[in-house]
Amino acid sequence: MSKEGYALAKKNADAQYKIDNDACSSLSGNAKEICAADAKGKETIAKADAEAAYENTPKAREHARVAHAQANYDVAIEKCDDLAGNPKDVCVKEAKAALVKGKADAKVDRVTADTRKDAT
């Protein structure tokens, strides 16, 4: 990806975030918080993906995968707020487990890519 393409992708991510976040204003309560977390997550993912495409390094790709995992976690935690008691506890633990797994998978992929690079 060219530098101009990267800058355009970041600009588009910002514009899409504003549109998505404005759409959340008509909601209330936890639905609004879920919507806002989803909008922010999409922006973060778009920017991380653009950076990964621009830099094209294992570290940048790892960062993008961690951004995906973190965005999914943030939305899942907001959805857990609708629950109470044991179902909420289970929901939170599942969200945390998915985050840890996502981060670990991203790191394994980066280490694998680095190892392949060293081997060649």
PDB file of N, CA and C in Angstrom:
ATOM      1  N   MET A   1       0.851  -1.171   0.000  1.00  0.00           N
ATOM      2  CA  MET A   1       0.000   0.000   0.000  1.00  0.00           C
ATOM      3  C   MET A   1       0.900   1.239   0.000  1.00  0.00           C
ATOM      4  N   SER A   2       0.520   2.213  -0.788  1.00  0.00           N
ATOM      5  CA  SER A   2       1.292   3.453  -0.861  1.00  0.00           C
ATOM      6  C   SER A   2       1.002   4.331   0.356  1.00  0.00           C
ATOM      7  N   LYS A   3       1.856   5.319   0.536  1.00  0.00           N
ATOM      8  CA  LYS A   3       1.679   6.245   1.653  1.00  0.00           C
ATOM      9  C   LYS A   3       0.359   7.011   1.508  1.00  0.00           C
ATOM     10  N   GLU A   4       0.021   7.375   0.271  1.00  0.00           N
ATOM     11  CA  GLU A   4      -1.233   8.095   0.029  1.00  0.00           C
ATOM     12  C   GLU A   4      -2.438   7.192   0.317  1.00  0.00           C
ATOM     13  N   GLY A   5      -2.334   5.933  -0.074  1.00  0.00           N
ATOM     14  CA  GLY A   5      -3.406   4.974   0.192  1.00  0.00           C
ATOM     15  C   GLY A   5      -3.601   4.750   1.680  1.00  0.00           C
ATOM     16  N   TYR A   6      -2.487   4.704   2.398  1.00  0.00           N
ATOM     17  CA  TYR A   6      -2.537   4.552   3.854  1.00  0.00           C
ATOM     18  C   TYR A   6      -3.217   5.757   4.494  1.00  0.00           C
ATOM     19  N   ALA A   7      -2.828   6.954   4.076  1.00  0.00           N
ATOM     20  CA  ALA A   7      -3.435   8.177   4.623  1.00  0.00           C
ATOM     21  C   ALA A   7      -4.923   8.224   4.300  1.00  0.00           C
ATOM     22  N   LEU A   8      -5.292   7.818   3.098  1.00  0.00           N
ATOM     23  CA  LEU A   8      -6.702   7.803   2.698  1.00  0.00           C
ATOM     24  C   LEU A   8      -7.490   6.782   3.512  1.00  0.00           C
ATOM     25  N   ALA A   9      -6.904   5.617   3.757  1.00  0.00           N
ATOM     26  CA  ALA A   9      -7.578   4.588   4.551  1.00  0.00           C
ATOM     27  C   ALA A   9      -7.830   5.076   5.979  1.00  0.00           C
ATOM     28  N   LYS A  10      -6.853   5.773   6.557  1.00  0.00           N
ATOM     29  CA  LYS A  10      -7.039   6.327   7.903  1.00  0.00           C
ATOM     30  C   LYS A  10      -8.125   7.402   7.910  1.00  0.00           C
ATOM     31  N   LYS A  11      -8.122   8.237   6.879  1.00  0.00           N
ATOM     32  CA  LYS A  11      -9.129   9.288   6.777  1.00  0.00           C
ATOM     33  C   LYS A  11     -10.521   8.683   6.621  1.00  0.00           C
ATOM     34  N   ASN A  12     -10.630   7.643   5.803  1.00  0.00           N
ATOM     35  CA  ASN A  12     -11.915   6.961   5.622  1.00  0.00           C
ATOM     36  C   ASN A  12     -12.386   6.304   6.912  1.00  0.00           C
ATOM     37  N   ALA A  13     -11.450   5.748   7.683  1.00  0.00           N
ATOM     38  CA  ALA A  13     -11.797   5.126   8.959  1.00  0.00           C
ATOM     39  C   ALA A  13     -12.369   6.168   9.921  1.00  0.00           C
ATOM     40  N   ASP A  14     -11.753   7.337   9.955  1.00  0.00           N
ATOM     41  CA  ASP A  14     -12.249   8.423  10.809  1.00  0.00           C
ATOM     42  C   ASP A  14     -13.650   8.866  10.385  1.00  0.00           C
ATOM     43  N   ALA A  15     -13.850   9.001   9.074  1.00  0.00           N
ATOM     44  CA  ALA A  15     -15.154   9.431   8.561  1.00  0.00           C
ATOM     45  C   ALA A  15     -16.225   8.389   8.858  1.00  0.00           C
ATOM     46  N   GLN A  16     -15.887   7.108   8.679  1.00  0.00           N
ATOM     47  CA  GLN A  16     -16.852   6.049   8.949  1.00  0.00           C
ATOM     48  C   GLN A  16     -17.185   5.986  10.430  1.00  0.00           C
ATOM     49  N   TYR A  17     -16.180   6.229  11.286  1.00  0.00           N
ATOM     50  CA  TYR A  17     -16.425   6.240  12.728  1.00  0.00           C
ATOM     51  C   TYR A  17     -17.432   7.331  13.093  1.00  0.00           C
ATOM     52  N   LYS A  18     -17.272   8.508  12.512  1.00  0.00           N
ATOM     53  CA  LYS A  18     -18.204   9.598  12.808  1.00  0.00           C
ATOM     54  C   LYS A  18     -19.621   9.232  12.386  1.00  0.00           C
ATOM     55  N   ILE A  19     -19.751   8.603  11.230  1.00  0.00           N
ATOM     56  CA  ILE A  19     -21.076   8.188  10.753  1.00  0.00           C
ATOM     57  C   ILE A  19     -21.673   7.138  11.688  1.00  0.00           C
ATOM     58  N   ASP A  20     -20.866   6.123  12.017  1.00  0.00           N
ATOM     59  CA  ASP A  20     -21.345   5.048  12.895  1.00  0.00           C
ATOM     60  C   ASP A  20     -21.674   5.567  14.287  1.00  0.00           C
ATOM     61  N   ASN A  21     -20.838   6.461  14.797  1.00  0.00           N
ATOM     62  CA  ASN A  21     -21.062   6.997  16.137  1.00  0.00           C
ATOM     63  C   ASN A  21     -22.307   7.892  16.168  1.00  0.00           C
ATOM     64  N   ASP A  22     -22.545   8.654  15.116  1.00  0.00           N
ATOM     65  CA  ASP A  22     -23.750   9.479  15.036  1.00  0.00           C
ATOM     66  C   ASP A  22     -25.001   8.619  15.004  1.00  0.00           C
ATOM     67  N   ALA A  23     -24.910   7.457  14.368  1.00  0.00           N
ATOM     68  CA  ALA A  23     -26.054   6.535  14.326  1.00  0.00           C
ATOM     69  C   ALA A  23     -26.393   6.018  15.721  1.00  0.00           C
ATOM     70  N   CYS A  24     -25.420   6.003  16.602  1.00  0.00           N
ATOM     71  CA  CYS A  24     -25.647   5.522  17.969  1.00  0.00           C
ATOM     72  C   CYS A  24     -26.418   6.532  18.817  1.00  0.00           C
ATOM     73  N   SER A  25     -26.440   7.771  18.400  1.00  0.00           N
ATOM     74  CA  SER A  25     -27.058   8.823  19.215  1.00  0.00           C
ATOM     75  C   SER A  25     -28.565   8.623  19.394  1.00  0.00           C
ATOM     76  N   SER A  26     -29.194   7.897  18.488  1.00  0.00           N
ATOM     77  CA  SER A  26     -30.633   7.668  18.607  1.00  0.00           C
ATOM     78  C   SER A  26     -30.958   6.573  19.615  1.00  0.00           C
ATOM     79  N   LEU A  27     -29.941   5.823  20.044  1.00  0.00           N
ATOM     80  CA  LEU A  27     -30.147   4.746  21.017  1.00  0.00           C
ATOM     81  C   LEU A  27     -29.975   5.279  22.423  1.00  0.00           C
ATOM     82  N   SER A  28     -30.332   4.437  23.399  1.00  0.00           N
ATOM     83  CA  SER A  28     -30.140   4.836  24.790  1.00  0.00           C
ATOM     84  C   SER A  28     -29.704   3.637  25.617  1.00  0.00           C
ATOM     85  N   GLY A  29     -29.191   3.920  26.780  1.00  0.00           N
ATOM     86  CA  GLY A  29     -28.799   2.862  27.700  1.00  0.00           C
ATOM     87  C   GLY A  29     -27.635   2.039  27.186  1.00  0.00           C
ATOM     88  N   ASN A  30     -27.673   0.758  27.512  1.00  0.00           N
ATOM     89  CA  ASN A  30     -26.571  -0.121  27.144  1.00  0.00           C
ATOM     90  C   ASN A  30     -26.495  -0.343  25.636  1.00  0.00           C
ATOM     91  N   ALA A  31     -27.617  -0.260  24.945  1.00  0.00           N
ATOM     92  CA  ALA A  31     -27.606  -0.409  23.487  1.00  0.00           C
ATOM     93  C   ALA A  31     -26.730   0.677  22.863  1.00  0.00           C
ATOM     94  N   LYS A  32     -26.774   1.876  23.420  1.00  0.00           N
ATOM     95  CA  LYS A  32     -25.946   2.977  22.922  1.00  0.00           C
ATOM     96  C   LYS A  32     -24.464   2.686  23.184  1.00  0.00           C
ATOM     97  N   GLU A  33     -24.170   2.128  24.364  1.00  0.00           N
ATOM     98  CA  GLU A  33     -22.787   1.805  24.695  1.00  0.00           C
ATOM     99  C   GLU A  33     -22.243   0.691  23.803  1.00  0.00           C
ATOM    100  N   ILE A  34     -23.081  -0.303  23.499  1.00  0.00           N
ATOM    101  CA  ILE A  34     -22.682  -1.380  22.605  1.00  0.00           C
ATOM    102  C   ILE A  34     -22.405  -0.818  21.212  1.00  0.00           C
ATOM    103  N   CYS A  35     -23.288   0.034  20.748  1.00  0.00           N
ATOM    104  CA  CYS A  35     -23.143   0.656  19.437  1.00  0.00           C
ATOM    105  C   CYS A  35     -21.857   1.486  19.372  1.00  0.00           C
ATOM    106  N   ALA A  36     -21.586   2.254  20.420  1.00  0.00           N
ATOM    107  CA  ALA A  36     -20.384   3.091  20.451  1.00  0.00           C
ATOM    108  C   ALA A  36     -19.121   2.231  20.472  1.00  0.00           C
ATOM    109  N   ALA A  37     -19.137   1.145  21.237  1.00  0.00           N
ATOM    110  CA  ALA A  37     -17.980   0.251  21.287  1.00  0.00           C
ATOM    111  C   ALA A  37     -17.752  -0.399  19.924  1.00  0.00           C
ATOM    112  N   ASP A  38     -18.843  -0.757  19.254  1.00  0.00           N
ATOM    113  CA  ASP A  38     -18.738  -1.358  17.929  1.00  0.00           C
ATOM    114  C   ASP A  38     -18.167  -0.352  16.923  1.00  0.00           C
ATOM    115  N   ALA A  39     -18.633   0.881  16.980  1.00  0.00           N
ATOM    116  CA  ALA A  39     -18.143   1.924  16.071  1.00  0.00           C
ATOM    117  C   ALA A  39     -16.655   2.177  16.293  1.00  0.00           C
ATOM    118  N   LYS A  40     -16.255   2.286  17.549  1.00  0.00           N
ATOM    119  CA  LYS A  40     -14.852   2.528  17.875  1.00  0.00           C
ATOM    120  C   LYS A  40     -14.000   1.333  17.448  1.00  0.00           C
ATOM    121  N   GLY A  41     -14.519   0.129  17.655  1.00  0.00           N
ATOM    122  CA  GLY A  41     -13.800  -1.071  17.262  1.00  0.00           C
ATOM    123  C   GLY A  41     -13.575  -1.134  15.763  1.00  0.00           C
ATOM    124  N   LYS A  42     -14.604  -0.782  14.996  1.00  0.00           N
ATOM    125  CA  LYS A  42     -14.466  -0.782  13.537  1.00  0.00           C
ATOM    126  C   LYS A  42     -13.400   0.212  13.091  1.00  0.00           C
ATOM    127  N   GLU A  43     -13.369   1.373  13.745  1.00  0.00           N
ATOM    128  CA  GLU A  43     -12.365   2.378  13.397  1.00  0.00           C
ATOM    129  C   GLU A  43     -10.961   1.862  13.711  1.00  0.00           C
ATOM    130  N   THR A  44     -10.804   1.296  14.882  1.00  0.00           N
ATOM    131  CA  THR A  44      -9.502   0.784  15.296  1.00  0.00           C
ATOM    132  C   THR A  44      -9.030  -0.326  14.361  1.00  0.00           C
ATOM    133  N   ILE A  45      -9.947  -1.221  14.014  1.00  0.00           N
ATOM    134  CA  ILE A  45      -9.611  -2.324  13.112  1.00  0.00           C
ATOM    135  C   ILE A  45      -9.214  -1.792  11.738  1.00  0.00           C
ATOM    136  N   ALA A  46      -9.977  -0.850  11.221  1.00  0.00           N
ATOM    137  CA  ALA A  46      -9.677  -0.299   9.898  1.00  0.00           C
ATOM    138  C   ALA A  46      -8.299   0.357   9.876  1.00  0.00           C
ATOM    139  N   LYS A  47      -7.985   1.112  10.916  1.00  0.00           N
ATOM    140  CA  LYS A  47      -6.687   1.770  10.975  1.00  0.00           C
ATOM    141  C   LYS A  47      -5.552   0.754  11.127  1.00  0.00           C
ATOM    142  N   ALA A  48      -5.761  -0.257  11.965  1.00  0.00           N
ATOM    143  CA  ALA A  48      -4.726  -1.277  12.159  1.00  0.00           C
ATOM    144  C   ALA A  48      -4.513  -2.093  10.883  1.00  0.00           C
ATOM    145  N   ASP A  49      -5.594  -2.418  10.192  1.00  0.00           N
ATOM    146  CA  ASP A  49      -5.464  -3.149   8.925  1.00  0.00           C
ATOM    147  C   ASP A  49      -4.734  -2.314   7.877  1.00  0.00           C
ATOM    148  N   ALA A  50      -5.028  -1.019   7.838  1.00  0.00           N
ATOM    149  CA  ALA A  50      -4.353  -0.133   6.896  1.00  0.00           C
ATOM    150  C   ALA A  50      -2.862  -0.046   7.225  1.00  0.00           C
ATOM    151  N   GLU A  51      -2.557   0.043   8.501  1.00  0.00           N
ATOM    152  CA  GLU A  51      -1.158   0.106   8.912  1.00  0.00           C
ATOM    153  C   GLU A  51      -0.432  -1.195   8.561  1.00  0.00           C
ATOM    154  N   ALA A  52      -1.111  -2.325   8.782  1.00  0.00           N
ATOM    155  CA  ALA A  52      -0.506  -3.619   8.452  1.00  0.00           C
ATOM    156  C   ALA A  52      -0.241  -3.736   6.955  1.00  0.00           C
ATOM    157  N   ALA A  53      -1.183  -3.261   6.155  1.00  0.00           N
ATOM    158  CA  ALA A  53      -0.998  -3.315   4.698  1.00  0.00           C
ATOM    159  C   ALA A  53       0.113  -2.369   4.260  1.00  0.00           C
ATOM    160  N   TYR A  54       0.212  -1.218   4.911  1.00  0.00           N
ATOM    161  CA  TYR A  54       1.232  -0.230   4.546  1.00  0.00           C
ATOM    162  C   TYR A  54       2.631  -0.704   4.942  1.00  0.00           C
ATOM    163  N   GLU A  55       2.768  -1.158   6.192  1.00  0.00           N
ATOM    164  CA  GLU A  55       4.083  -1.571   6.680  1.00  0.00           C
ATOM    165  C   GLU A  55       4.469  -2.960   6.175  1.00  0.00           C
ATOM    166  N   ASN A  56       3.480  -3.842   6.055  1.00  0.00           N
ATOM    167  CA  ASN A  56       3.681  -5.204   5.548  1.00  0.00           C
ATOM    168  C   ASN A  56       4.780  -5.941   6.310  1.00  0.00           C
ATOM    169  N   THR A  57       4.696  -5.892   7.646  1.00  0.00           N
ATOM    170  CA  THR A  57       5.638  -6.609   8.496  1.00  0.00           C
ATOM    171  C   THR A  57       4.860  -7.556   9.410  1.00  0.00           C
ATOM    172  N   PRO A  58       5.517  -8.604   9.898  1.00  0.00           N
ATOM    173  CA  PRO A  58       4.835  -9.500  10.836  1.00  0.00           C
ATOM    174  C   PRO A  58       4.344  -8.769  12.088  1.00  0.00           C
ATOM    175  N   LYS A  59       5.126  -7.821  12.572  1.00  0.00           N
ATOM    176  CA  LYS A  59       4.739  -7.065  13.777  1.00  0.00           C
ATOM    177  C   LYS A  59       3.472  -6.247  13.514  1.00  0.00           C
ATOM    178  N   ALA A  60       3.371  -5.626  12.362  1.00  0.00           N
ATOM    179  CA  ALA A  60       2.187  -4.830  12.019  1.00  0.00           C
ATOM    180  C   ALA A  60       0.961  -5.725  11.863  1.00  0.00           C
ATOM    181  N   ARG A  61       1.157  -6.899  11.265  1.00  0.00           N
ATOM    182  CA  ARG A  61       0.042  -7.833  11.126  1.00  0.00           C
ATOM    183  C   ARG A  61      -0.407  -8.349  12.490  1.00  0.00           C
ATOM    184  N   GLU A  62       0.563  -8.573  13.391  1.00  0.00           N
ATOM    185  CA  GLU A  62       0.218  -8.986  14.755  1.00  0.00           C
ATOM    186  C   GLU A  62      -0.603  -7.894  15.434  1.00  0.00           C
ATOM    187  N   HIS A  63      -0.179  -6.656  15.276  1.00  0.00           N
ATOM    188  CA  HIS A  63      -0.893  -5.534  15.877  1.00  0.00           C
ATOM    189  C   HIS A  63      -2.334  -5.471  15.360  1.00  0.00           C
ATOM    190  N   ALA A  64      -2.521  -5.718  14.075  1.00  0.00           N
ATOM    191  CA  ALA A  64      -3.866  -5.694  13.491  1.00  0.00           C
ATOM    192  C   ALA A  64      -4.727  -6.811  14.070  1.00  0.00           C
ATOM    193  N   ARG A  65      -4.146  -7.986  14.241  1.00  0.00           N
ATOM    194  CA  ARG A  65      -4.920  -9.104  14.811  1.00  0.00           C
ATOM    195  C   ARG A  65      -5.266  -8.847  16.269  1.00  0.00           C
ATOM    196  N   VAL A  66      -4.364  -8.218  17.002  1.00  0.00           N
ATOM    197  CA  VAL A  66      -4.652  -7.860  18.397  1.00  0.00           C
ATOM    198  C   VAL A  66      -5.761  -6.804  18.433  1.00  0.00           C
ATOM    199  N   ALA A  67      -5.742  -5.876  17.483  1.00  0.00           N
ATOM    200  CA  ALA A  67      -6.798  -4.859  17.411  1.00  0.00           C
ATOM    201  C   ALA A  67      -8.156  -5.508  17.163  1.00  0.00           C
ATOM    202  N   HIS A  68      -8.202  -6.523  16.317  1.00  0.00           N
ATOM    203  CA  HIS A  68      -9.445  -7.267  16.073  1.00  0.00           C
ATOM    204  C   HIS A  68      -9.931  -7.912  17.372  1.00  0.00           C
ATOM    205  N   ALA A  69      -9.019  -8.581  18.068  1.00  0.00           N
ATOM    206  CA  ALA A  69      -9.381  -9.261  19.314  1.00  0.00           C
ATOM    207  C   ALA A  69      -9.859  -8.268  20.369  1.00  0.00           C
ATOM    208  N   GLN A  70      -9.175  -7.139  20.481  1.00  0.00           N
ATOM    209  CA  GLN A  70      -9.548  -6.128  21.481  1.00  0.00           C
ATOM    210  C   GLN A  70     -10.902  -5.510  21.154  1.00  0.00           C
ATOM    211  N   ALA A  71     -11.157  -5.242  19.890  1.00  0.00           N
ATOM    212  CA  ALA A  71     -12.445  -4.666  19.494  1.00  0.00           C
ATOM    213  C   ALA A  71     -13.582  -5.641  19.792  1.00  0.00           C
ATOM    214  N   ASN A  72     -13.376  -6.909  19.468  1.00  0.00           N
ATOM    215  CA  ASN A  72     -14.398  -7.917  19.768  1.00  0.00           C
ATOM    216  C   ASN A  72     -14.622  -8.035  21.263  1.00  0.00           C
ATOM    217  N   TYR A  73     -13.546  -7.944  22.035  1.00  0.00           N
ATOM    218  CA  TYR A  73     -13.641  -8.006  23.495  1.00  0.00           C
ATOM    219  C   TYR A  73     -14.449  -6.822  24.035  1.00  0.00           C
ATOM    220  N   ASP A  74     -14.150  -5.635  23.561  1.00  0.00           N
ATOM    221  CA  ASP A  74     -14.845  -4.439  24.047  1.00  0.00           C
ATOM    222  C   ASP A  74     -16.351  -4.528  23.798  1.00  0.00           C
ATOM    223  N   VAL A  75     -16.738  -5.013  22.626  1.00  0.00           N
ATOM    224  CA  VAL A  75     -18.160  -5.161  22.311  1.00  0.00           C
ATOM    225  C   VAL A  75     -18.777  -6.261  23.175  1.00  0.00           C
ATOM    226  N   ALA A  76     -18.059  -7.367  23.341  1.00  0.00           N
ATOM    227  CA  ALA A  76     -18.577  -8.477  24.142  1.00  0.00           C
ATOM    228  C   ALA A  76     -18.798  -8.059  25.591  1.00  0.00           C
ATOM    229  N   ILE A  77     -17.890  -7.291  26.136  1.00  0.00           N
ATOM    230  CA  ILE A  77     -18.035  -6.825  27.526  1.00  0.00           C
ATOM    231  C   ILE A  77     -19.261  -5.932  27.661  1.00  0.00           C
ATOM    232  N   GLU A  78     -19.486  -5.075  26.691  1.00  0.00           N
ATOM    233  CA  GLU A  78     -20.683  -4.224  26.730  1.00  0.00           C
ATOM    234  C   GLU A  78     -21.955  -5.073  26.658  1.00  0.00           C
ATOM    235  N   LYS A  79     -21.920  -6.118  25.840  1.00  0.00           N
ATOM    236  CA  LYS A  79     -23.086  -6.995  25.749  1.00  0.00           C
ATOM    237  C   LYS A  79     -23.306  -7.753  27.057  1.00  0.00           C
ATOM    238  N   CYS A  80     -22.230  -8.056  27.756  1.00  0.00           N
ATOM    239  CA  CYS A  80     -22.337  -8.751  29.038  1.00  0.00           C
ATOM    240  C   CYS A  80     -23.042  -7.887  30.084  1.00  0.00           C
ATOM    241  N   ASP A  81     -22.977  -6.578  29.926  1.00  0.00           N
ATOM    242  CA  ASP A  81     -23.604  -5.668  30.888  1.00  0.00           C
ATOM    243  C   ASP A  81     -25.120  -5.841  30.935  1.00  0.00           C
ATOM    244  N   ASP A  82     -25.697  -6.404  29.874  1.00  0.00           N
ATOM    245  CA  ASP A  82     -27.145  -6.647  29.862  1.00  0.00           C
ATOM    246  C   ASP A  82     -27.533  -7.815  30.761  1.00  0.00           C
ATOM    247  N   LEU A  83     -26.569  -8.621  31.136  1.00  0.00           N
ATOM    248  CA  LEU A  83     -26.835  -9.804  31.951  1.00  0.00           C
ATOM    249  C   LEU A  83     -26.592  -9.511  33.418  1.00  0.00           C
ATOM    250  N   ALA A  84     -26.994 -10.441  34.257  1.00  0.00           N
ATOM    251  CA  ALA A  84     -26.778 -10.299  35.698  1.00  0.00           C
ATOM    252  C   ALA A  84     -26.440 -11.660  36.281  1.00  0.00           C
ATOM    253  N   GLY A  85     -25.762 -11.642  37.412  1.00  0.00           N
ATOM    254  CA  GLY A  85     -25.467 -12.880  38.122  1.00  0.00           C
ATOM    255  C   GLY A  85     -24.485 -13.767  37.390  1.00  0.00           C
ATOM    256  N   ASN A  86     -24.719 -15.079  37.513  1.00  0.00           N
ATOM    257  CA  ASN A  86     -23.813 -16.061  36.925  1.00  0.00           C
ATOM    258  C   ASN A  86     -23.707 -15.938  35.398  1.00  0.00           C
ATOM    259  N   PRO A  87     -24.804 -15.724  34.676  1.00  0.00           N
ATOM    260  CA  PRO A  87     -24.647 -15.565  33.226  1.00  0.00           C
ATOM    261  C   PRO A  87     -23.699 -14.417  32.849  1.00  0.00           C
ATOM    262  N   LYS A  88     -23.728 -13.343  33.626  1.00  0.00           N
ATOM    263  CA  LYS A  88     -22.822 -12.218  33.353  1.00  0.00           C
ATOM    264  C   LYS A  88     -21.377 -12.630  33.626  1.00  0.00           C
ATOM    265  N   ASP A  89     -21.163 -13.340  34.721  1.00  0.00           N
ATOM    266  CA  ASP A  89     -19.805 -13.791  35.048  1.00  0.00           C
ATOM    267  C   ASP A  89     -19.251 -14.702  33.951  1.00  0.00           C
ATOM    268  N   VAL A  90     -20.083 -15.609  33.479  1.00  0.00           N
ATOM    269  CA  VAL A  90     -19.680 -16.520  32.416  1.00  0.00           C
ATOM    270  C   VAL A  90     -19.376 -15.740  31.142  1.00  0.00           C
ATOM    271  N   CYS A  91     -20.230 -14.791  30.827  1.00  0.00           N
ATOM    272  CA  CYS A  91     -20.061 -13.965  29.631  1.00  0.00           C
ATOM    273  C   CYS A  91     -18.734 -13.210  29.682  1.00  0.00           C
ATOM    274  N   VAL A  92     -18.426 -12.615  30.814  1.00  0.00           N
ATOM    275  CA  VAL A  92     -17.183 -11.857  30.974  1.00  0.00           C
ATOM    276  C   VAL A  92     -15.974 -12.783  30.833  1.00  0.00           C
ATOM    277  N   LYS A  93     -16.043 -13.962  31.456  1.00  0.00           N
ATOM    278  CA  LYS A  93     -14.921 -14.896  31.368  1.00  0.00           C
ATOM    279  C   LYS A  93     -14.716 -15.398  29.937  1.00  0.00           C
ATOM    280  N   GLU A  94     -15.806 -15.632  29.230  1.00  0.00           N
ATOM    281  CA  GLU A  94     -15.687 -16.056  27.832  1.00  0.00           C
ATOM    282  C   GLU A  94     -15.078 -14.948  26.977  1.00  0.00           C
ATOM    283  N   ALA A  95     -15.477 -13.707  27.235  1.00  0.00           N
ATOM    284  CA  ALA A  95     -14.922 -12.575  26.487  1.00  0.00           C
ATOM    285  C   ALA A  95     -13.428 -12.439  26.761  1.00  0.00           C
ATOM    286  N   LYS A  96     -13.033 -12.577  28.036  1.00  0.00           N
ATOM    287  CA  LYS A  96     -11.613 -12.479  28.380  1.00  0.00           C
ATOM    288  C   LYS A  96     -10.820 -13.621  27.762  1.00  0.00           C
ATOM    289  N   ALA A  97     -11.397 -14.814  27.762  1.00  0.00           N
ATOM    290  CA  ALA A  97     -10.721 -15.967  27.162  1.00  0.00           C
ATOM    291  C   ALA A  97     -10.522 -15.757  25.663  1.00  0.00           C
ATOM    292  N   ALA A  98     -11.528 -15.214  24.998  1.00  0.00           N
ATOM    293  CA  ALA A  98     -11.412 -14.954  23.560  1.00  0.00           C
ATOM    294  C   ALA A  98     -10.333 -13.909  23.290  1.00  0.00           C
ATOM    295  N   LEU A  99     -10.231 -12.898  24.158  1.00  0.00           N
ATOM    296  CA  LEU A  99      -9.198 -11.876  24.004  1.00  0.00           C
ATOM    297  C   LEU A  99      -7.813 -12.487  24.164  1.00  0.00           C
ATOM    298  N   VAL A 100      -7.634 -13.276  25.205  1.00  0.00           N
ATOM    299  CA  VAL A 100      -6.330 -13.910  25.448  1.00  0.00           C
ATOM    300  C   VAL A 100      -5.961 -14.823  24.280  1.00  0.00           C
ATOM    301  N   LYS A 101      -6.927 -15.595  23.788  1.00  0.00           N
ATOM    302  CA  LYS A 101      -6.680 -16.492  22.658  1.00  0.00           C
ATOM    303  C   LYS A 101      -6.321 -15.694  21.403  1.00  0.00           C
ATOM    304  N   GLY A 102      -7.033 -14.609  21.160  1.00  0.00           N
ATOM    305  CA  GLY A 102      -6.747 -13.784  19.994  1.00  0.00           C
ATOM    306  C   GLY A 102      -5.351 -13.186  20.033  1.00  0.00           C
ATOM    307  N   LYS A 103      -4.952 -12.701  21.209  1.00  0.00           N
ATOM    308  CA  LYS A 103      -3.611 -12.134  21.352  1.00  0.00           C
ATOM    309  C   LYS A 103      -2.543 -13.217  21.182  1.00  0.00           C
ATOM    310  N   ALA A 104      -2.792 -14.384  21.767  1.00  0.00           N
ATOM    311  CA  ALA A 104      -1.822 -15.481  21.661  1.00  0.00           C
ATOM    312  C   ALA A 104      -1.693 -15.955  20.213  1.00  0.00           C
ATOM    313  N   ASP A 105      -2.813 -16.098  19.522  1.00  0.00           N
ATOM    314  CA  ASP A 105      -2.775 -16.509  18.116  1.00  0.00           C
ATOM    315  C   ASP A 105      -1.996 -15.509  17.270  1.00  0.00           C
ATOM    316  N   ALA A 106      -2.198 -14.226  17.542  1.00  0.00           N
ATOM    317  CA  ALA A 106      -1.492 -13.189  16.798  1.00  0.00           C
ATOM    318  C   ALA A 106       0.012 -13.291  17.028  1.00  0.00           C
ATOM    319  N   LYS A 107       0.401 -13.537  18.269  1.00  0.00           N
ATOM    320  CA  LYS A 107       1.825 -13.639  18.593  1.00  0.00           C
ATOM    321  C   LYS A 107       2.436 -14.882  17.944  1.00  0.00           C
ATOM    322  N   VAL A 108       1.724 -15.992  17.990  1.00  0.00           N
ATOM    323  CA  VAL A 108       2.222 -17.224  17.372  1.00  0.00           C
ATOM    324  C   VAL A 108       2.430 -17.018  15.876  1.00  0.00           C
ATOM    325  N   ASP A 109       1.484 -16.368  15.228  1.00  0.00           N
ATOM    326  CA  ASP A 109       1.620 -16.114  13.795  1.00  0.00           C
ATOM    327  C   ASP A 109       2.822 -15.226  13.492  1.00  0.00           C
ATOM    328  N   ARG A 110       3.059 -14.227  14.347  1.00  0.00           N
ATOM    329  CA  ARG A 110       4.214 -13.347  14.137  1.00  0.00           C
ATOM    330  C   ARG A 110       5.516 -14.116  14.322  1.00  0.00           C
ATOM    331  N   VAL A 111       5.589 -14.911  15.375  1.00  0.00           N
ATOM    332  CA  VAL A 111       6.806 -15.679  15.635  1.00  0.00           C
ATOM    333  C   VAL A 111       7.056 -16.667  14.499  1.00  0.00           C
ATOM    334  N   THR A 112       5.987 -17.281  14.008  1.00  0.00           N
ATOM    335  CA  THR A 112       6.113 -18.216  12.886  1.00  0.00           C
ATOM    336  C   THR A 112       6.637 -17.488  11.652  1.00  0.00           C
ATOM    337  N   ALA A 113       6.097 -16.324  11.374  1.00  0.00           N
ATOM    338  CA  ALA A 113       6.549 -15.549  10.221  1.00  0.00           C
ATOM    339  C   ALA A 113       8.007 -15.131  10.383  1.00  0.00           C
ATOM    340  N   ASP A 114       8.376 -14.720  11.593  1.00  0.00           N
ATOM    341  CA  ASP A 114       9.774 -14.336  11.840  1.00  0.00           C
ATOM    342  C   ASP A 114      10.699 -15.535  11.659  1.00  0.00           C
ATOM    343  N   THR A 115      10.262 -16.699  12.126  1.00  0.00           N
ATOM    344  CA  THR A 115      11.079 -17.906  12.012  1.00  0.00           C
ATOM    345  C   THR A 115      11.249 -18.300  10.555  1.00  0.00           C
ATOM    346  N   ARG A 116      10.184 -18.221   9.780  1.00  0.00           N
ATOM    347  CA  ARG A 116      10.271 -18.536   8.347  1.00  0.00           C
ATOM    348  C   ARG A 116      11.224 -17.574   7.651  1.00  0.00           C
ATOM    349  N   LYS A 117      11.154 -16.304   8.044  1.00  0.00           N
ATOM    350  CA  LYS A 117      12.017 -15.296   7.439  1.00  0.00           C
ATOM    351  C   LYS A 117      13.482 -15.603   7.758  1.00  0.00           C
ATOM    352  N   ASP A 118      13.740 -15.994   9.011  1.00  0.00           N
ATOM    353  CA  ASP A 118      15.113 -16.315   9.419  1.00  0.00           C
ATOM    354  C   ASP A 118      15.614 -17.571   8.715  1.00  0.00           C
ATOM    355  N   ALA A 119      14.717 -18.522   8.484  1.00  0.00           N
ATOM    356  CA  ALA A 119      15.107 -19.772   7.858  1.00  0.00           C
ATOM    357  C   ALA A 119      15.497 -19.583   6.400  1.00  0.00           C
ATOM    358  N   THR A 120      14.891 -18.604   5.753  1.00  0.00           N
ATOM    359  CA  THR A 120      15.219 -18.383   4.345  1.00  0.00           C
ATOM    360  C   THR A 120      16.415 -17.505   4.258  1.00  0.00           C
TER     361      THR A 120
END
